[in-house]
């Protein structure tokens, strides 16, 4: 008997998935709807979308920091507050257009974060987390004592918005929020698919192994910290551009970081999709439970504890384990295809 000839097989490395292609189309439709919302949406709905998008940006920044960089910070409110106060400085004191000032606030915040990072990076583990909170408190007390920025009572930014109609003000705020929210998601996606993303993934899995492979762990973490500060600074400027009043207690409130942590933990830390799911859950819970006073916070705390105990990978992690649904695939997959055209993906 003659044996059957071996089946010829070819292998290819791919990254895209069916879900990612479908998600790309769906994302483009949603983006178009958001960009055109000033012409068809209600003003209250636009404000909700703006808030959702800047909270998504904050969650993605904290996820980048903790989920991918391994830097658990509880002091990111420092950069939200600095961004807000840089808006006061640029728009109110120096006469810079308030909407033009938003990216400048992010840049200045990132510059301020450089010496701050040099200080807190001397700490490790829980000391790092507590140290970031202490730094945030130092910034809060510092701005609370600067009289020409409003001191402890804060200041209004209403005069900086003179000359802008309500429609134009809301529209520009929405478009900046879209850049921040969508840009944070796509920026992290691009980052994770780059060589730096491979280094981040290696650091997340094992710092010791990363160093043995030649990864400059400190430099990568330092860069992630500065990028996160830049994003938080821009969000802080946008937040108080929409609220039109700022005070140290509000700008440097630890609740900013608490919400970041809640959304990321609920959705799934170390994933791009997780913070999106977490933000949706946060806004739904807030709308449903806001009328119950302190019970609202208790309920959110209990939900966070339940997820951390029974679903440590978050809600998206549970879904991913059952469906392998990947809208933002960053892993490289080897697809083996035979002459008949049948293919079999192999995760790598």
Protein backbone atom coordinates (compact mmCIF):
# COMPACT_ATOMS: atom_id res chain seq x y z
CA UNK A 1 0.00 0.00 0.00
CA UNK A 2 1.19 3.46 -0.75
CA UNK A 3 0.87 6.08 1.96
CA UNK A 4 -1.07 9.27 1.32
CA UNK A 5 1.09 12.27 0.51
CA UNK A 6 1.50 14.71 3.40
CA UNK A 7 -0.86 17.64 3.45
CA UNK A 8 0.92 20.88 2.65
CA UNK A 9 0.45 23.50 5.32
CA UNK A 10 1.29 27.18 5.43
CA UNK A 11 1.52 29.40 8.48
CA UNK A 12 0.87 33.09 8.84
CA UNK A 13 0.99 35.48 11.76
CA UNK A 14 -2.16 37.58 12.12
CA UNK A 15 -3.49 40.03 14.70
CA UNK A 16 -6.98 40.92 13.56
CA UNK A 17 -10.06 38.95 14.53
CA UNK A 18 -13.61 38.86 13.22
CA UNK A 19 -14.71 40.74 16.34
CA UNK A 20 -12.05 43.42 15.81
CA UNK A 21 -13.18 44.00 12.21
CA UNK A 22 -16.82 44.18 13.28
CA UNK A 23 -15.84 46.43 16.17
CA UNK A 24 -13.98 48.73 13.79
CA UNK A 25 -17.11 49.25 11.69
CA UNK A 26 -19.30 49.72 14.77
CA UNK A 27 -16.76 52.10 16.29
CA UNK A 28 -16.69 54.22 13.13
CA UNK A 29 -20.50 54.51 13.20
CA UNK A 30 -20.48 55.50 16.88
CA UNK A 31 -17.69 58.02 16.29
CA UNK A 32 -19.62 59.61 13.42
CA UNK A 33 -22.72 59.84 15.61
CA UNK A 34 -20.75 61.47 18.43
CA UNK A 35 -19.03 64.01 16.19
CA UNK A 36 -22.35 65.10 14.68
CA UNK A 37 -24.21 65.08 18.00
CA UNK A 38 -24.29 68.91 18.34
CA UNK A 39 -26.64 69.00 15.33
CA UNK A 40 -29.12 66.37 16.53
CA UNK A 41 -28.62 65.69 20.25
CA UNK A 42 -30.10 67.29 23.34
CA UNK A 43 -27.85 69.51 25.44
CA UNK A 44 -28.27 67.36 28.56
CA UNK A 45 -27.34 64.25 26.60
CA UNK A 46 -24.22 65.97 25.28
CA UNK A 47 -23.14 66.80 28.82
CA UNK A 48 -23.59 63.14 29.83
CA UNK A 49 -21.54 61.98 26.82
CA UNK A 50 -18.78 64.46 27.67
CA UNK A 51 -18.65 63.19 31.25
CA UNK A 52 -18.61 59.56 30.10
CA UNK A 53 -15.78 60.19 27.65
CA UNK A 54 -13.53 62.02 30.09
CA UNK A 55 -14.16 59.38 32.75
CA UNK A 56 -13.24 56.74 30.15
CA UNK A 57 -10.01 58.62 29.45
CA UNK A 58 -9.18 58.71 33.17
CA UNK A 59 -9.92 55.00 33.52
CA UNK A 60 -7.72 54.14 30.54
CA UNK A 61 -4.91 56.27 31.96
CA UNK A 62 -5.07 54.48 35.32
CA UNK A 63 -5.32 51.13 33.56
CA UNK A 64 -2.21 51.95 31.54
CA UNK A 65 -0.44 52.88 34.74
CA UNK A 66 -1.51 49.96 36.96
CA UNK A 67 -2.78 47.31 34.56
CA UNK A 68 0.12 47.44 32.13
CA UNK A 69 2.86 49.34 33.97
CA UNK A 70 2.39 47.72 37.37
CA UNK A 71 2.28 51.14 39.08
CA UNK A 72 -0.66 51.21 41.52
CA UNK A 73 -1.20 54.90 42.17
CA UNK A 74 -3.87 56.35 44.45
CA UNK A 75 -2.76 59.90 43.76
CA UNK A 76 -3.75 60.53 40.14
CA UNK A 77 -6.11 63.24 41.38
CA UNK A 78 -2.95 65.33 41.65
CA UNK A 79 -2.75 65.61 37.86
CA UNK A 80 -6.48 66.16 37.43
CA UNK A 81 -6.17 69.10 39.81
CA UNK A 82 -3.00 70.46 38.24
CA UNK A 83 -4.62 70.33 34.80
CA UNK A 84 -7.62 72.24 36.11
CA UNK A 85 -5.50 74.93 37.73
CA UNK A 86 -3.28 75.26 34.68
CA UNK A 87 -6.48 76.12 32.81
CA UNK A 88 -7.10 78.92 35.31
CA UNK A 89 -3.54 80.15 34.83
CA UNK A 90 -3.58 80.06 31.04
CA UNK A 91 -7.17 81.12 30.32
CA UNK A 92 -7.83 83.52 33.20
CA UNK A 93 -4.42 85.01 33.89
CA UNK A 94 -2.57 84.80 30.57
CA UNK A 95 -5.48 85.23 28.17
CA UNK A 96 -5.02 81.98 26.25
CA UNK A 97 -8.18 80.69 24.57
CA UNK A 98 -9.73 78.18 27.00
CA UNK A 99 -10.16 75.43 24.41
CA UNK A 100 -6.67 75.94 23.02
CA UNK A 101 -5.38 75.80 26.59
CA UNK A 102 -6.61 72.23 27.19
CA UNK A 103 -3.71 70.43 25.42
CA UNK A 104 -1.27 72.96 26.85
CA UNK A 105 -2.52 72.05 30.32
CA UNK A 106 -1.70 68.42 29.59
CA UNK A 107 1.83 69.32 28.49
CA UNK A 108 2.48 71.47 31.57
CA UNK A 109 1.08 68.72 33.82
CA UNK A 110 3.40 66.17 32.20
CA UNK A 111 6.39 68.48 32.78
CA UNK A 112 5.43 68.88 36.45
CA UNK A 113 5.09 65.09 36.70
CA UNK A 114 8.75 64.55 35.74
CA UNK A 115 10.31 65.65 39.06
CA UNK A 116 7.34 64.14 40.90
CA UNK A 117 8.02 60.77 39.25
CA UNK A 118 11.69 61.02 40.15
CA UNK A 119 10.60 61.35 43.79
CA UNK A 120 7.88 58.69 44.04
CA UNK A 121 9.87 56.16 41.97
CA UNK A 122 12.19 55.83 44.95
CA UNK A 123 9.32 53.97 46.64
CA UNK A 124 8.09 50.43 46.01
CA UNK A 125 4.81 48.57 46.37
CA UNK A 126 2.43 49.93 49.00
CA UNK A 127 4.88 52.74 49.80
CA UNK A 128 4.60 53.92 46.18
CA UNK A 129 0.79 53.92 46.36
CA UNK A 130 0.72 55.88 49.64
CA UNK A 131 3.46 58.18 48.37
CA UNK A 132 1.42 59.19 45.34
CA UNK A 133 -1.50 60.09 47.61
CA UNK A 134 0.79 62.18 49.84
CA UNK A 135 2.10 64.03 46.78
CA UNK A 136 -1.48 64.76 45.72
CA UNK A 137 -2.21 66.20 49.16
CA UNK A 138 0.89 68.38 48.96
CA UNK A 139 -0.32 69.79 45.64
CA UNK A 140 -3.79 70.37 47.11
CA UNK A 141 -2.41 72.32 50.05
CA UNK A 142 -0.06 74.25 47.77
CA UNK A 143 -2.81 75.47 45.46
CA UNK A 144 -5.08 76.16 48.45
CA UNK A 145 -2.53 78.75 49.58
CA UNK A 146 -2.03 80.53 46.25
CA UNK A 147 -4.25 83.58 46.68
CA UNK A 148 -4.15 84.80 43.08
CA UNK A 149 -5.55 81.44 41.95
CA UNK A 150 -8.46 81.66 44.37
CA UNK A 151 -6.83 80.04 47.41
CA UNK A 152 -8.99 77.61 49.39
CA UNK A 153 -12.34 78.94 48.17
CA UNK A 154 -11.48 78.47 44.52
CA UNK A 155 -12.36 80.67 41.56
CA UNK A 156 -14.82 80.95 38.69
CA UNK A 157 -13.91 80.49 35.04
CA UNK A 158 -17.07 82.08 33.69
CA UNK A 159 -15.30 85.16 32.32
CA UNK A 160 -12.95 82.99 30.26
CA UNK A 161 -15.97 81.67 28.34
CA UNK A 162 -17.24 85.11 27.36
CA UNK A 163 -17.67 85.35 23.62
CA UNK A 164 -18.63 81.70 23.15
CA UNK A 165 -22.25 80.83 22.49
CA UNK A 166 -23.76 77.97 24.47
CA UNK A 167 -23.90 75.80 21.31
CA UNK A 168 -20.26 76.44 20.41
CA UNK A 169 -19.09 75.91 23.99
CA UNK A 170 -20.91 72.59 24.28
CA UNK A 171 -19.79 71.46 20.83
CA UNK A 172 -16.11 72.22 21.41
CA UNK A 173 -16.23 70.50 24.81
CA UNK A 174 -17.80 67.43 23.19
CA UNK A 175 -15.21 67.26 20.42
CA UNK A 176 -12.34 67.60 22.89
CA UNK A 177 -13.92 64.85 25.03
CA UNK A 178 -14.11 62.62 21.94
CA UNK A 179 -10.43 63.20 21.28
CA UNK A 180 -9.63 62.31 24.89
CA UNK A 181 -11.94 59.31 25.26
CA UNK A 182 -11.53 57.70 21.85
CA UNK A 183 -7.93 58.84 21.61
CA UNK A 184 -7.01 57.20 24.93
CA UNK A 185 -8.48 53.87 23.80
CA UNK A 186 -6.88 53.90 20.36
CA UNK A 187 -3.60 55.32 21.66
CA UNK A 188 -3.21 52.51 24.19
CA UNK A 189 -4.20 49.98 21.53
CA UNK A 190 -1.50 51.31 19.21
CA UNK A 191 1.00 51.38 22.08
CA UNK A 192 0.38 47.77 23.05
CA UNK A 193 0.88 46.64 19.46
CA UNK A 194 4.28 48.35 19.30
CA UNK A 195 7.66 47.24 20.60
CA UNK A 196 7.08 49.34 23.70
CA UNK A 197 3.84 47.44 24.21
CA UNK A 198 5.77 44.17 24.19
CA UNK A 199 8.06 45.60 26.85
CA UNK A 200 5.04 46.69 28.93
CA UNK A 201 3.49 43.25 28.67
CA UNK A 202 6.76 41.63 29.71
CA UNK A 203 7.07 43.97 32.70
CA UNK A 204 3.49 43.21 33.75
CA UNK A 205 4.17 39.48 33.65
CA UNK A 206 7.61 39.53 35.32
CA UNK A 207 9.94 42.43 35.97
CA UNK A 208 12.85 40.07 36.67
CA UNK A 209 12.40 38.26 33.38
CA UNK A 210 12.03 41.59 31.56
CA UNK A 211 15.34 42.85 32.90
CA UNK A 212 17.04 39.62 31.87
CA UNK A 213 15.79 40.23 28.31
CA UNK A 214 17.25 43.72 28.24
CA UNK A 215 14.10 45.75 28.94
CA UNK A 216 14.82 49.05 30.71
CA UNK A 217 12.04 48.62 33.27
CA UNK A 218 12.54 51.95 35.02
CA UNK A 219 12.54 53.96 31.80
CA UNK A 220 9.40 52.24 30.48
CA UNK A 221 7.55 52.78 33.77
CA UNK A 222 8.73 56.37 33.90
CA UNK A 223 7.36 56.98 30.40
CA UNK A 224 4.02 55.39 31.27
CA UNK A 225 3.75 57.57 34.37
CA UNK A 226 4.35 60.75 32.37
CA UNK A 227 1.86 59.75 29.65
CA UNK A 228 -0.77 59.04 32.32
CA UNK A 229 -0.13 62.44 33.92
CA UNK A 230 -0.50 64.13 30.53
CA UNK A 231 -3.87 62.46 29.94
CA UNK A 232 -5.13 63.25 33.44
CA UNK A 233 -4.01 66.87 33.05
CA UNK A 234 -5.98 67.32 29.85
CA UNK A 235 -9.03 65.72 31.45
CA UNK A 236 -8.71 68.02 34.47
CA UNK A 237 -8.68 71.05 32.19
CA UNK A 238 -11.74 69.80 30.30
CA UNK A 239 -13.63 68.98 33.51
CA UNK A 240 -13.34 72.49 34.91
CA UNK A 241 -13.86 74.02 31.50
CA UNK A 242 -17.34 72.47 31.64
CA UNK A 243 -17.97 73.04 35.36
CA UNK A 244 -16.80 76.70 35.16
CA UNK A 245 -15.66 76.71 38.79
CA UNK A 246 -12.69 75.11 40.52
CA UNK A 247 -11.53 74.71 44.11
CA UNK A 248 -8.64 72.73 45.60
CA UNK A 249 -10.88 70.33 47.52
CA UNK A 250 -12.82 69.44 44.35
CA UNK A 251 -9.89 69.39 41.94
CA UNK A 252 -7.65 67.24 44.16
CA UNK A 253 -10.46 65.06 45.53
CA UNK A 254 -9.34 61.44 45.99
CA UNK A 255 -12.71 60.39 44.56
CA UNK A 256 -11.24 60.99 41.10
CA UNK A 257 -8.81 58.13 41.65
CA UNK A 258 -11.43 56.04 43.46
CA UNK A 259 -13.68 56.18 40.40
CA UNK A 260 -10.75 55.30 38.13
CA UNK A 261 -9.96 52.25 40.25
CA UNK A 262 -13.61 51.21 40.49
CA UNK A 263 -14.22 51.33 36.74
CA UNK A 264 -11.00 49.50 35.88
CA UNK A 265 -11.43 46.78 38.53
CA UNK A 266 -15.09 46.22 37.63
CA UNK A 267 -14.43 46.08 33.91
CA UNK A 268 -11.15 44.20 33.91
CA UNK A 269 -7.69 45.50 34.71
CA UNK A 270 -5.00 44.98 32.09
CA UNK A 271 -7.43 45.03 29.15
CA UNK A 272 -8.48 47.80 26.79
CA UNK A 273 -12.13 46.76 26.78
CA UNK A 274 -12.34 46.54 30.60
CA UNK A 275 -12.44 50.28 31.37
CA UNK A 276 -15.14 50.75 28.70
CA UNK A 277 -17.32 48.12 30.38
CA UNK A 278 -16.47 49.55 33.80
CA UNK A 279 -17.50 53.07 32.79
CA UNK A 280 -20.82 51.81 31.45
CA UNK A 281 -21.48 49.94 34.70
CA UNK A 282 -20.46 52.98 36.78
CA UNK A 283 -22.83 55.34 34.95
CA UNK A 284 -25.71 52.86 35.08
CA UNK A 285 -25.23 52.34 38.83
CA UNK A 286 -24.89 56.05 39.45
CA UNK A 287 -28.16 56.80 37.68
CA UNK A 288 -30.00 53.95 39.41
CA UNK A 289 -28.67 54.49 42.94
CA UNK A 290 -27.93 58.22 43.12
CA UNK A 291 -31.21 58.93 44.95
CA UNK A 292 -30.28 56.62 47.84
CA UNK A 293 -27.68 58.89 49.42
CA UNK A 294 -24.79 57.12 51.14
CA UNK A 295 -26.29 53.74 50.20
CA UNK A 296 -25.19 54.52 46.66
CA UNK A 297 -21.53 54.48 47.69
CA UNK A 298 -22.02 51.41 49.90
CA UNK A 299 -23.63 49.50 47.04
CA UNK A 300 -20.81 50.40 44.66
CA UNK A 301 -18.25 49.32 47.24
CA UNK A 302 -19.97 45.97 47.75
CA UNK A 303 -20.13 45.40 43.99
CA UNK A 304 -16.43 46.16 43.65
CA UNK A 305 -15.58 43.73 46.49
CA UNK A 306 -17.75 41.01 44.93
CA UNK A 307 -16.04 41.39 41.57
CA UNK A 308 -12.58 41.33 43.13
CA UNK A 309 -13.42 38.14 45.05
CA UNK A 310 -15.37 36.14 42.45
CA UNK A 311 -14.24 37.66 39.16
CA UNK A 312 -10.68 38.84 39.60
CA UNK A 313 -10.29 39.49 35.89
CA UNK A 314 -13.37 41.73 35.91
CA UNK A 315 -16.57 41.51 33.91
CA UNK A 316 -14.74 41.58 30.61
CA UNK A 317 -12.48 38.80 31.83
CA UNK A 318 -15.52 36.63 32.53
CA UNK A 319 -16.88 37.29 29.05
CA UNK A 320 -13.49 36.71 27.43
CA UNK A 321 -13.10 33.34 29.16
CA UNK A 322 -16.42 32.14 27.71
CA UNK A 323 -16.39 33.68 24.23
CA UNK A 324 -12.76 34.63 23.38
CA UNK A 325 -14.23 37.87 22.02
CA UNK A 326 -11.40 40.34 21.28
CA UNK A 327 -12.27 43.77 19.93
CA UNK A 328 -8.73 45.04 20.51
CA UNK A 329 -6.45 42.05 19.82
CA UNK A 330 -2.83 42.76 20.69
CA UNK A 331 -1.55 39.18 20.70
CA UNK A 332 0.08 37.69 17.66
CA UNK A 333 -1.67 34.55 16.46
CA UNK A 334 -0.22 31.85 14.22
CA UNK A 335 -2.80 30.63 11.69
CA UNK A 336 -2.03 27.28 10.05
CA UNK A 337 -3.82 26.67 6.75
CA UNK A 338 -3.81 23.49 4.64
CA UNK A 339 -4.37 23.06 0.90
CA UNK A 340 -8.11 22.65 1.40
CA UNK A 341 -8.29 26.13 2.85
CA UNK A 342 -9.07 25.02 6.40
CA UNK A 343 -7.33 27.20 8.97
CA UNK A 344 -6.64 26.77 12.62
CA UNK A 345 -5.52 29.70 14.77
CA UNK A 346 -2.94 29.13 17.48
CA UNK A 347 -2.56 31.80 20.18
CA UNK A 348 0.99 33.03 20.62
